[in-house]
């Protein structure tokens, strides 16, 4: 992993020491926490990536709070880009001025670049350390789900304006991100269900996001309902056995799964 690329060039003087070496992981994580506290998601992403450079050979060095920070800062940056892209797209018709269209395209490019960065510079080095997912299924599922989520965001942002229309054009870029996201979710969910308790927050989180992919990207609400219901029903008997620290997160995910199930089931019924 290197610290070159568009996410790092403006911060070379901060992310390296006096000898030009990358900051050690502890210092980089502290910088990431500071940037996140200041509301600077883009800066926090830079520092987290530098921190990962020092632990990619041994993910066990990442504490639970470090992994939570990693997820938060990357998703904060993605949320900003997705919100901006959606707002510009809704504001501008297809026949807008070329400069407006190019501005929308620049936001899309930043989101796809971020997705590619997560896949190649964050997830790949960590998973390369694991000889098999079962070596540390919690770590595998966490990072592989992160990859799947960002590929889903890229698929979302490269989708046609009305993908359900018969004449909608589907770009090769969108197809690539969509199919890579599907493969990543399938692998993550399979490992999660095989290796982790059904009420584990990583299992539920994967099922939730995979079902959202099925509904919003694949336009397969039936599959989304099937996935969400399976995860919800399998977790119910085990929820009360979780330690207090894990119960809250899993319970919140269960609530979201239930809400989505009700929304999707109602929509299915109204269409019949």
C-alpha atoms as a PDB file:
ATOM      1  CA  UNK A   1       0.000   0.000   0.000  1.00  0.00           C
ATOM      2  CA  UNK A   2       1.273   3.488  -0.831  1.00  0.00           C
ATOM      3  CA  UNK A   3       0.263   6.948   0.236  1.00  0.00           C
ATOM      4  CA  UNK A   4       0.296   8.324  -3.294  1.00  0.00           C
ATOM      5  CA  UNK A   5      -2.818   9.166  -5.257  1.00  0.00           C
ATOM      6  CA  UNK A   6      -5.497  11.866  -5.278  1.00  0.00           C
ATOM      7  CA  UNK A   7      -6.499  11.332  -1.651  1.00  0.00           C
ATOM      8  CA  UNK A   8      -3.045  12.128  -0.290  1.00  0.00           C
ATOM      9  CA  UNK A   9      -1.089  14.639  -2.351  1.00  0.00           C
ATOM     10  CA  UNK A  10      -2.224  17.784  -0.474  1.00  0.00           C
ATOM     11  CA  UNK A  11      -1.257  16.224   2.868  1.00  0.00           C
ATOM     12  CA  UNK A  12       2.245  14.910   2.288  1.00  0.00           C
ATOM     13  CA  UNK A  13       3.678  17.230   4.954  1.00  0.00           C
ATOM     14  CA  UNK A  14       1.227  15.890   7.553  1.00  0.00           C
ATOM     15  CA  UNK A  15       1.143  12.173   6.779  1.00  0.00           C
ATOM     16  CA  UNK A  16       4.925  11.754   6.808  1.00  0.00           C
ATOM     17  CA  UNK A  17       7.518  12.225   9.511  1.00  0.00           C
ATOM     18  CA  UNK A  18      10.659  14.353   9.304  1.00  0.00           C
ATOM     19  CA  UNK A  19      12.369  11.647   7.220  1.00  0.00           C
ATOM     20  CA  UNK A  20       9.505  11.396   4.741  1.00  0.00           C
ATOM     21  CA  UNK A  21       8.250   8.110   6.153  1.00  0.00           C
ATOM     22  CA  UNK A  22       4.518   7.530   6.671  1.00  0.00           C
ATOM     23  CA  UNK A  23       3.240   8.234  10.168  1.00  0.00           C
ATOM     24  CA  UNK A  24       3.045   5.219  12.458  1.00  0.00           C
ATOM     25  CA  UNK A  25      -0.421   3.664  12.755  1.00  0.00           C
ATOM     26  CA  UNK A  26      -1.169   5.030  16.231  1.00  0.00           C
ATOM     27  CA  UNK A  27      -0.361   8.606  15.188  1.00  0.00           C
ATOM     28  CA  UNK A  28      -2.320   8.288  11.957  1.00  0.00           C
ATOM     29  CA  UNK A  29      -5.355   6.942  13.824  1.00  0.00           C
ATOM     30  CA  UNK A  30      -5.161   9.828  16.269  1.00  0.00           C
ATOM     31  CA  UNK A  31      -5.069  12.233  13.320  1.00  0.00           C
ATOM     32  CA  UNK A  32      -8.094  10.435  11.841  1.00  0.00           C
ATOM     33  CA  UNK A  33     -10.054  10.800  15.088  1.00  0.00           C
ATOM     34  CA  UNK A  34      -9.168  14.488  15.205  1.00  0.00           C
ATOM     35  CA  UNK A  35     -10.234  15.028  11.592  1.00  0.00           C
ATOM     36  CA  UNK A  36     -13.478  13.118  12.148  1.00  0.00           C
ATOM     37  CA  UNK A  37     -14.219  15.220  15.233  1.00  0.00           C
ATOM     38  CA  UNK A  38     -13.619  18.343  13.149  1.00  0.00           C
ATOM     39  CA  UNK A  39     -16.068  17.125  10.492  1.00  0.00           C
ATOM     40  CA  UNK A  40     -13.313  16.642   7.916  1.00  0.00           C
ATOM     41  CA  UNK A  41     -14.247  13.244   6.507  1.00  0.00           C
ATOM     42  CA  UNK A  42     -11.881  13.530   3.525  1.00  0.00           C
ATOM     43  CA  UNK A  43      -8.932  14.194   5.827  1.00  0.00           C
ATOM     44  CA  UNK A  44      -9.959  11.363   8.146  1.00  0.00           C
ATOM     45  CA  UNK A  45     -10.007   8.963   5.183  1.00  0.00           C
ATOM     46  CA  UNK A  46      -6.441   9.930   4.311  1.00  0.00           C
ATOM     47  CA  UNK A  47      -5.182   9.324   7.823  1.00  0.00           C
ATOM     48  CA  UNK A  48      -7.061   6.035   8.266  1.00  0.00           C
ATOM     49  CA  UNK A  49      -5.551   4.724   5.036  1.00  0.00           C
ATOM     50  CA  UNK A  50      -2.076   5.647   6.283  1.00  0.00           C
ATOM     51  CA  UNK A  51      -2.836   3.827   9.556  1.00  0.00           C
ATOM     52  CA  UNK A  52      -3.856   0.716   7.626  1.00  0.00           C
ATOM     53  CA  UNK A  53      -0.479   0.692   5.900  1.00  0.00           C
ATOM     54  CA  UNK A  54       1.090  -0.179   9.239  1.00  0.00           C
ATOM     55  CA  UNK A  55      -1.320  -2.957  10.163  1.00  0.00           C
ATOM     56  CA  UNK A  56      -2.174  -4.616   6.843  1.00  0.00           C
ATOM     57  CA  UNK A  57       0.342  -7.364   7.684  1.00  0.00           C
ATOM     58  CA  UNK A  58      -1.590  -8.094  10.886  1.00  0.00           C
ATOM     59  CA  UNK A  59      -5.243  -6.933  11.116  1.00  0.00           C
ATOM     60  CA  UNK A  60      -5.319  -8.159  14.732  1.00  0.00           C
ATOM     61  CA  UNK A  61      -3.550  -4.896  15.602  1.00  0.00           C
ATOM     62  CA  UNK A  62      -6.790  -3.052  14.778  1.00  0.00           C
ATOM     63  CA  UNK A  63      -8.991  -2.609  17.833  1.00  0.00           C
ATOM     64  CA  UNK A  64     -12.772  -2.710  17.501  1.00  0.00           C
ATOM     65  CA  UNK A  65     -12.971   1.065  17.900  1.00  0.00           C
ATOM     66  CA  UNK A  66     -10.380   1.495  15.117  1.00  0.00           C
ATOM     67  CA  UNK A  67     -12.496  -0.591  12.737  1.00  0.00           C
ATOM     68  CA  UNK A  68     -15.576   1.409  13.719  1.00  0.00           C
ATOM     69  CA  UNK A  69     -13.703   4.646  13.010  1.00  0.00           C
ATOM     70  CA  UNK A  70     -12.577   3.308   9.638  1.00  0.00           C
ATOM     71  CA  UNK A  71     -16.138   2.455   8.645  1.00  0.00           C
ATOM     72  CA  UNK A  72     -17.530   5.779   9.871  1.00  0.00           C
ATOM     73  CA  UNK A  73     -15.067   8.064   8.095  1.00  0.00           C
ATOM     74  CA  UNK A  74     -15.214   6.279   4.753  1.00  0.00           C
ATOM     75  CA  UNK A  75     -19.008   6.215   4.826  1.00  0.00           C
ATOM     76  CA  UNK A  76     -19.198   9.871   5.853  1.00  0.00           C
ATOM     77  CA  UNK A  77     -17.193  10.796   2.783  1.00  0.00           C
ATOM     78  CA  UNK A  78     -19.295   8.516   0.590  1.00  0.00           C
ATOM     79  CA  UNK A  79     -22.530   9.954   1.990  1.00  0.00           C
ATOM     80  CA  UNK A  80     -21.407  13.476   1.115  1.00  0.00           C
ATOM     81  CA  UNK A  81     -20.575  12.472  -2.453  1.00  0.00           C
ATOM     82  CA  UNK A  82     -23.775  10.449  -2.925  1.00  0.00           C
ATOM     83  CA  UNK A  83     -25.923  13.276  -1.551  1.00  0.00           C
ATOM     84  CA  UNK A  84     -24.190  15.852  -3.755  1.00  0.00           C
ATOM     85  CA  UNK A  85     -24.523  13.675  -6.855  1.00  0.00           C
ATOM     86  CA  UNK A  86     -28.215  13.027  -6.180  1.00  0.00           C
ATOM     87  CA  UNK A  87     -28.935  16.718  -5.594  1.00  0.00           C
ATOM     88  CA  UNK A  88     -27.157  17.803  -8.784  1.00  0.00           C
ATOM     89  CA  UNK A  89     -28.836  15.051 -10.801  1.00  0.00           C
ATOM     90  CA  UNK A  90     -32.317  16.025  -9.613  1.00  0.00           C
ATOM     91  CA  UNK A  91     -31.572  19.700 -10.203  1.00  0.00           C
ATOM     92  CA  UNK A  92     -30.224  19.338 -13.733  1.00  0.00           C
ATOM     93  CA  UNK A  93     -32.178  17.964 -16.717  1.00  0.00           C
ATOM     94  CA  UNK A  94     -30.420  15.798 -19.284  1.00  0.00           C
ATOM     95  CA  UNK A  95     -30.152  18.731 -21.712  1.00  0.00           C
ATOM     96  CA  UNK A  96     -28.328  20.972 -19.213  1.00  0.00           C
ATOM     97  CA  UNK A  97     -25.298  22.991 -20.194  1.00  0.00           C
ATOM     98  CA  UNK A  98     -22.156  20.997 -20.804  1.00  0.00           C
ATOM     99  CA  UNK A  99     -20.386  22.502 -17.778  1.00  0.00           C
ATOM    100  CA  UNK A 100     -23.228  21.392 -15.494  1.00  0.00           C
ATOM    101  CA  UNK A 101     -23.144  17.860 -16.869  1.00  0.00           C
ATOM    102  CA  UNK A 102     -19.369  17.799 -16.436  1.00  0.00           C
ATOM    103  CA  UNK A 103     -19.742  18.909 -12.824  1.00  0.00           C
ATOM    104  CA  UNK A 104     -22.119  16.014 -12.187  1.00  0.00           C
ATOM    105  CA  UNK A 105     -19.658  13.676 -13.872  1.00  0.00           C
ATOM    106  CA  UNK A 106     -16.835  14.960 -11.670  1.00  0.00           C
ATOM    107  CA  UNK A 107     -18.803  14.045  -8.536  1.00  0.00           C
ATOM    108  CA  UNK A 108     -19.478  10.607  -9.987  1.00  0.00           C
ATOM    109  CA  UNK A 109     -15.771  10.181 -10.743  1.00  0.00           C
ATOM    110  CA  UNK A 110     -14.860  11.034  -7.151  1.00  0.00           C
ATOM    111  CA  UNK A 111     -17.302   8.422  -5.856  1.00  0.00           C
ATOM    112  CA  UNK A 112     -16.071   5.693  -8.176  1.00  0.00           C
ATOM    113  CA  UNK A 113     -12.458   6.617  -7.350  1.00  0.00           C
ATOM    114  CA  UNK A 114     -13.292   6.272  -3.655  1.00  0.00           C
ATOM    115  CA  UNK A 115     -14.894   2.872  -4.264  1.00  0.00           C
ATOM    116  CA  UNK A 116     -11.834   1.717  -6.197  1.00  0.00           C
ATOM    117  CA  UNK A 117      -9.591   3.053  -3.419  1.00  0.00           C
ATOM    118  CA  UNK A 118     -11.494   1.103  -0.754  1.00  0.00           C
ATOM    119  CA  UNK A 119     -11.300  -2.079  -2.792  1.00  0.00           C
ATOM    120  CA  UNK A 120      -7.606  -1.908  -3.755  1.00  0.00           C
ATOM    121  CA  UNK A 121      -5.950   0.130  -1.002  1.00  0.00           C
ATOM    122  CA  UNK A 122      -7.999  -0.759   2.067  1.00  0.00           C
ATOM    123  CA  UNK A 123      -9.646  -4.164   1.707  1.00  0.00           C
ATOM    124  CA  UNK A 124      -7.236  -6.030  -0.565  1.00  0.00           C
ATOM    125  CA  UNK A 125      -4.084  -5.587   1.609  1.00  0.00           C
ATOM    126  CA  UNK A 126      -5.960  -6.630   4.757  1.00  0.00           C
ATOM    127  CA  UNK A 127      -7.535  -9.725   3.228  1.00  0.00           C
ATOM    128  CA  UNK A 128      -4.241 -10.718   1.615  1.00  0.00           C
ATOM    129  CA  UNK A 129      -2.943 -11.324   5.128  1.00  0.00           C
ATOM    130  CA  UNK A 130      -5.668 -13.911   5.808  1.00  0.00           C
ATOM    131  CA  UNK A 131      -4.860 -17.251   4.215  1.00  0.00           C
ATOM    132  CA  UNK A 132      -8.567 -18.107   4.454  1.00  0.00           C
ATOM    133  CA  UNK A 133     -11.698 -16.277   5.662  1.00  0.00           C
ATOM    134  CA  UNK A 134     -12.010 -18.699   8.597  1.00  0.00           C
ATOM    135  CA  UNK A 135      -8.676 -17.433   9.976  1.00  0.00           C
ATOM    136  CA  UNK A 136     -10.581 -14.444  11.340  1.00  0.00           C
ATOM    137  CA  UNK A 137     -14.172 -14.377  10.075  1.00  0.00           C
ATOM    138  CA  UNK A 138     -15.006 -11.140  11.945  1.00  0.00           C
ATOM    139  CA  UNK A 139     -12.201  -9.282  10.156  1.00  0.00           C
ATOM    140  CA  UNK A 140     -12.980 -10.898   6.811  1.00  0.00           C
ATOM    141  CA  UNK A 141     -16.691 -10.093   6.969  1.00  0.00           C
ATOM    142  CA  UNK A 142     -16.084  -6.530   8.159  1.00  0.00           C
ATOM    143  CA  UNK A 143     -13.704  -5.646   5.328  1.00  0.00           C
ATOM    144  CA  UNK A 144     -15.401  -7.650   2.571  1.00  0.00           C
ATOM    145  CA  UNK A 145     -18.730  -6.041   3.462  1.00  0.00           C
ATOM    146  CA  UNK A 146     -17.029  -2.642   3.319  1.00  0.00           C
ATOM    147  CA  UNK A 147     -15.860  -3.468  -0.201  1.00  0.00           C
ATOM    148  CA  UNK A 148     -19.334  -4.644  -1.215  1.00  0.00           C
ATOM    149  CA  UNK A 149     -20.963  -1.494   0.183  1.00  0.00           C
ATOM    150  CA  UNK A 150     -18.661   0.838  -1.747  1.00  0.00           C
ATOM    151  CA  UNK A 151     -19.083  -1.129  -4.955  1.00  0.00           C
ATOM    152  CA  UNK A 152     -22.848  -0.753  -4.403  1.00  0.00           C
ATOM    153  CA  UNK A 153     -22.433   3.008  -4.053  1.00  0.00           C
ATOM    154  CA  UNK A 154     -20.464   3.055  -7.319  1.00  0.00           C
ATOM    155  CA  UNK A 155     -23.139   0.952  -9.031  1.00  0.00           C
ATOM    156  CA  UNK A 156     -25.796   3.328  -7.729  1.00  0.00           C
ATOM    157  CA  UNK A 157     -24.047   6.429  -9.010  1.00  0.00           C
ATOM    158  CA  UNK A 158     -23.346   4.950 -12.459  1.00  0.00           C
ATOM    159  CA  UNK A 159     -26.922   3.767 -12.960  1.00  0.00           C
ATOM    160  CA  UNK A 160     -29.191   5.135 -15.702  1.00  0.00           C
ATOM    161  CA  UNK A 161     -31.651   7.855 -14.690  1.00  0.00           C
ATOM    162  CA  UNK A 162     -34.567   5.402 -14.887  1.00  0.00           C
ATOM    163  CA  UNK A 163     -33.031   1.915 -14.894  1.00  0.00           C
ATOM    164  CA  UNK A 164     -36.465   0.253 -14.782  1.00  0.00           C
ATOM    165  CA  UNK A 165     -37.425   1.746 -18.165  1.00  0.00           C
ATOM    166  CA  UNK A 166     -37.290  -0.705 -21.039  1.00  0.00           C
ATOM    167  CA  UNK A 167     -35.150   1.655 -23.115  1.00  0.00           C
ATOM    168  CA  UNK A 168     -32.751   2.582 -20.314  1.00  0.00           C
ATOM    169  CA  UNK A 169     -29.110   2.336 -21.307  1.00  0.00           C
ATOM    170  CA  UNK A 170     -26.894   0.364 -18.960  1.00  0.00           C
ATOM    171  CA  UNK A 171     -23.235   1.341 -19.100  1.00  0.00           C
ATOM    172  CA  UNK A 172     -20.424  -1.180 -18.934  1.00  0.00           C
ATOM    173  CA  UNK A 173     -19.128   0.728 -15.915  1.00  0.00           C
ATOM    174  CA  UNK A 174     -22.397   0.232 -14.045  1.00  0.00           C
ATOM    175  CA  UNK A 175     -22.584  -3.456 -14.958  1.00  0.00           C
ATOM    176  CA  UNK A 176     -19.035  -3.996 -13.712  1.00  0.00           C
ATOM    177  CA  UNK A 177     -19.657  -2.332 -10.344  1.00  0.00           C
ATOM    178  CA  UNK A 178     -23.022  -4.057  -9.961  1.00  0.00           C
ATOM    179  CA  UNK A 179     -21.666  -7.539 -10.608  1.00  0.00           C
ATOM    180  CA  UNK A 180     -18.586  -6.988  -8.430  1.00  0.00           C
ATOM    181  CA  UNK A 181     -20.830  -5.763  -5.616  1.00  0.00           C
ATOM    182  CA  UNK A 182     -23.081  -8.801  -5.998  1.00  0.00           C
ATOM    183  CA  UNK A 183     -20.112 -11.177  -5.849  1.00  0.00           C
ATOM    184  CA  UNK A 184     -18.677  -9.406  -2.796  1.00  0.00           C
ATOM    185  CA  UNK A 185     -22.006  -9.513  -0.946  1.00  0.00           C
ATOM    186  CA  UNK A 186     -22.534 -13.178  -1.794  1.00  0.00           C
ATOM    187  CA  UNK A 187     -19.094 -14.139  -0.510  1.00  0.00           C
ATOM    188  CA  UNK A 188     -19.444 -12.000   2.608  1.00  0.00           C
ATOM    189  CA  UNK A 189     -22.890 -13.339   3.474  1.00  0.00           C
ATOM    190  CA  UNK A 190     -21.836 -16.938   2.920  1.00  0.00           C
ATOM    191  CA  UNK A 191     -18.843 -16.612   5.257  1.00  0.00           C
ATOM    192  CA  UNK A 192     -20.865 -14.632   7.804  1.00  0.00           C
ATOM    193  CA  UNK A 193     -23.606 -17.276   8.001  1.00  0.00           C
ATOM    194  CA  UNK A 194     -21.135 -20.163   8.087  1.00  0.00           C
ATOM    195  CA  UNK A 195     -18.734 -18.753  10.673  1.00  0.00           C
ATOM    196  CA  UNK A 196     -20.598 -16.260  12.880  1.00  0.00           C
ATOM    197  CA  UNK A 197     -23.668 -16.458  15.144  1.00  0.00           C
ATOM    198  CA  UNK A 198     -26.914 -15.550  13.379  1.00  0.00           C
ATOM    199  CA  UNK A 199     -27.525 -12.557  15.684  1.00  0.00           C
ATOM    200  CA  UNK A 200     -24.004 -11.183  15.193  1.00  0.00           C
ATOM    201  CA  UNK A 201     -24.117  -7.564  13.988  1.00  0.00           C
ATOM    202  CA  UNK A 202     -21.838  -8.373  11.030  1.00  0.00           C
ATOM    203  CA  UNK A 203     -24.241 -11.071   9.823  1.00  0.00           C
ATOM    204  CA  UNK A 204     -27.245  -8.779  10.212  1.00  0.00           C
ATOM    205  CA  UNK A 205     -25.446  -5.805   8.663  1.00  0.00           C
ATOM    206  CA  UNK A 206     -24.429  -7.857   5.650  1.00  0.00           C
ATOM    207  CA  UNK A 207     -27.963  -9.197   5.198  1.00  0.00           C
ATOM    208  CA  UNK A 208     -29.393  -5.687   5.499  1.00  0.00           C
ATOM    209  CA  UNK A 209     -27.069  -4.121   2.938  1.00  0.00           C
ATOM    210  CA  UNK A 210     -27.247  -7.101   0.574  1.00  0.00           C
ATOM    211  CA  UNK A 211     -31.053  -6.875   0.625  1.00  0.00           C
ATOM    212  CA  UNK A 212     -30.831  -3.128  -0.122  1.00  0.00           C
ATOM    213  CA  UNK A 213     -28.561  -3.968  -3.072  1.00  0.00           C
ATOM    214  CA  UNK A 214     -31.133  -6.473  -4.352  1.00  0.00           C
ATOM    215  CA  UNK A 215     -33.953  -3.937  -4.083  1.00  0.00           C
ATOM    216  CA  UNK A 216     -32.287  -0.713  -5.225  1.00  0.00           C
ATOM    217  CA  UNK A 217     -29.545  -1.850  -7.601  1.00  0.00           C
ATOM    218  CA  UNK A 218     -30.788  -5.207  -8.884  1.00  0.00           C
ATOM    219  CA  UNK A 219     -34.471  -4.149  -8.761  1.00  0.00           C
ATOM    220  CA  UNK A 220     -35.385  -7.527  -7.315  1.00  0.00           C
ATOM    221  CA  UNK A 221     -37.660  -6.737  -4.383  1.00  0.00           C
ATOM    222  CA  UNK A 222     -38.661 -10.376  -3.987  1.00  0.00           C
ATOM    223  CA  UNK A 223     -35.035 -11.397  -3.373  1.00  0.00           C
ATOM    224  CA  UNK A 224     -34.589  -8.466  -0.999  1.00  0.00           C
ATOM    225  CA  UNK A 225     -37.584  -9.598   1.050  1.00  0.00           C
ATOM    226  CA  UNK A 226     -36.307 -13.170   1.089  1.00  0.00           C
ATOM    227  CA  UNK A 227     -32.867 -12.140   2.355  1.00  0.00           C
ATOM    228  CA  UNK A 228     -34.154  -9.730   4.993  1.00  0.00           C
ATOM    229  CA  UNK A 229     -36.759 -12.181   6.292  1.00  0.00           C
ATOM    230  CA  UNK A 230     -34.256 -15.032   6.486  1.00  0.00           C
ATOM    231  CA  UNK A 231     -31.791 -12.945   8.486  1.00  0.00           C
ATOM    232  CA  UNK A 232     -34.505 -11.577  10.783  1.00  0.00           C
ATOM    233  CA  UNK A 233     -36.122 -14.956  11.474  1.00  0.00           C
ATOM    234  CA  UNK A 234     -32.795 -16.710  12.099  1.00  0.00           C
ATOM    235  CA  UNK A 235     -31.558 -14.024  14.491  1.00  0.00           C
ATOM    236  CA  UNK A 236     -34.685 -13.697  16.652  1.00  0.00           C
ATOM    237  CA  UNK A 237     -34.064 -16.823  18.805  1.00  0.00           C
ATOM    238  CA  UNK A 238     -30.490 -15.744  19.564  1.00  0.00           C
ATOM    239  CA  UNK A 239     -30.853 -12.002  20.140  1.00  0.00           C
ATOM    240  CA  UNK A 240     -31.284 -12.228  23.915  1.00  0.00           C
ATOM    241  CA  UNK A 241     -28.171 -14.378  24.261  1.00  0.00           C
ATOM    242  CA  UNK A 242     -25.888 -11.579  23.087  1.00  0.00           C
ATOM    243  CA  UNK A 243     -23.673  -9.670  25.502  1.00  0.00           C
ATOM    244  CA  UNK A 244     -25.037  -6.241  26.414  1.00  0.00           C
ATOM    245  CA  UNK A 245     -22.342  -4.470  24.359  1.00  0.00           C
ATOM    246  CA  UNK A 246     -23.413  -6.303  21.188  1.00  0.00           C
ATOM    247  CA  UNK A 247     -27.165  -6.380  21.804  1.00  0.00           C
ATOM    248  CA  UNK A 248     -27.828  -2.720  21.022  1.00  0.00           C
ATOM    249  CA  UNK A 249     -26.213  -2.752  17.580  1.00  0.00           C
ATOM    250  CA  UNK A 250     -27.811  -6.047  16.575  1.00  0.00           C
ATOM    251  CA  UNK A 251     -31.208  -4.898  17.846  1.00  0.00           C
ATOM    252  CA  UNK A 252     -30.975  -1.684  15.811  1.00  0.00           C
ATOM    253  CA  UNK A 253     -30.146  -3.692  12.694  1.00  0.00           C
ATOM    254  CA  UNK A 254     -33.091  -6.004  13.396  1.00  0.00           C
ATOM    255  CA  UNK A 255     -35.377  -2.974  13.636  1.00  0.00           C
ATOM    256  CA  UNK A 256     -34.154  -1.678  10.274  1.00  0.00           C
ATOM    257  CA  UNK A 257     -34.586  -5.105   8.681  1.00  0.00           C
ATOM    258  CA  UNK A 258     -38.146  -5.243  10.019  1.00  0.00           C
ATOM    259  CA  UNK A 259     -38.943  -1.735   8.763  1.00  0.00           C
ATOM    260  CA  UNK A 260     -37.580  -2.544   5.305  1.00  0.00           C
ATOM    261  CA  UNK A 261     -39.520  -5.803   5.220  1.00  0.00           C
ATOM    262  CA  UNK A 262     -42.756  -3.974   5.988  1.00  0.00           C
ATOM    263  CA  UNK A 263     -42.070  -1.339   3.326  1.00  0.00           C
ATOM    264  CA  UNK A 264     -41.120  -3.835   0.640  1.00  0.00           C
ATOM    265  CA  UNK A 265     -43.920  -6.284   1.466  1.00  0.00           C
ATOM    266  CA  UNK A 266     -46.498  -3.483   1.305  1.00  0.00           C
ATOM    267  CA  UNK A 267     -45.121  -2.338  -2.053  1.00  0.00           C
ATOM    268  CA  UNK A 268     -45.277  -5.897  -3.383  1.00  0.00           C
ATOM    269  CA  UNK A 269     -48.880  -6.246  -2.235  1.00  0.00           C
ATOM    270  CA  UNK A 270     -49.898  -2.917  -3.801  1.00  0.00           C
ATOM    271  CA  UNK A 271     -48.466  -3.979  -7.161  1.00  0.00           C
ATOM    272  CA  UNK A 272     -50.432  -7.198  -7.296  1.00  0.00           C
END
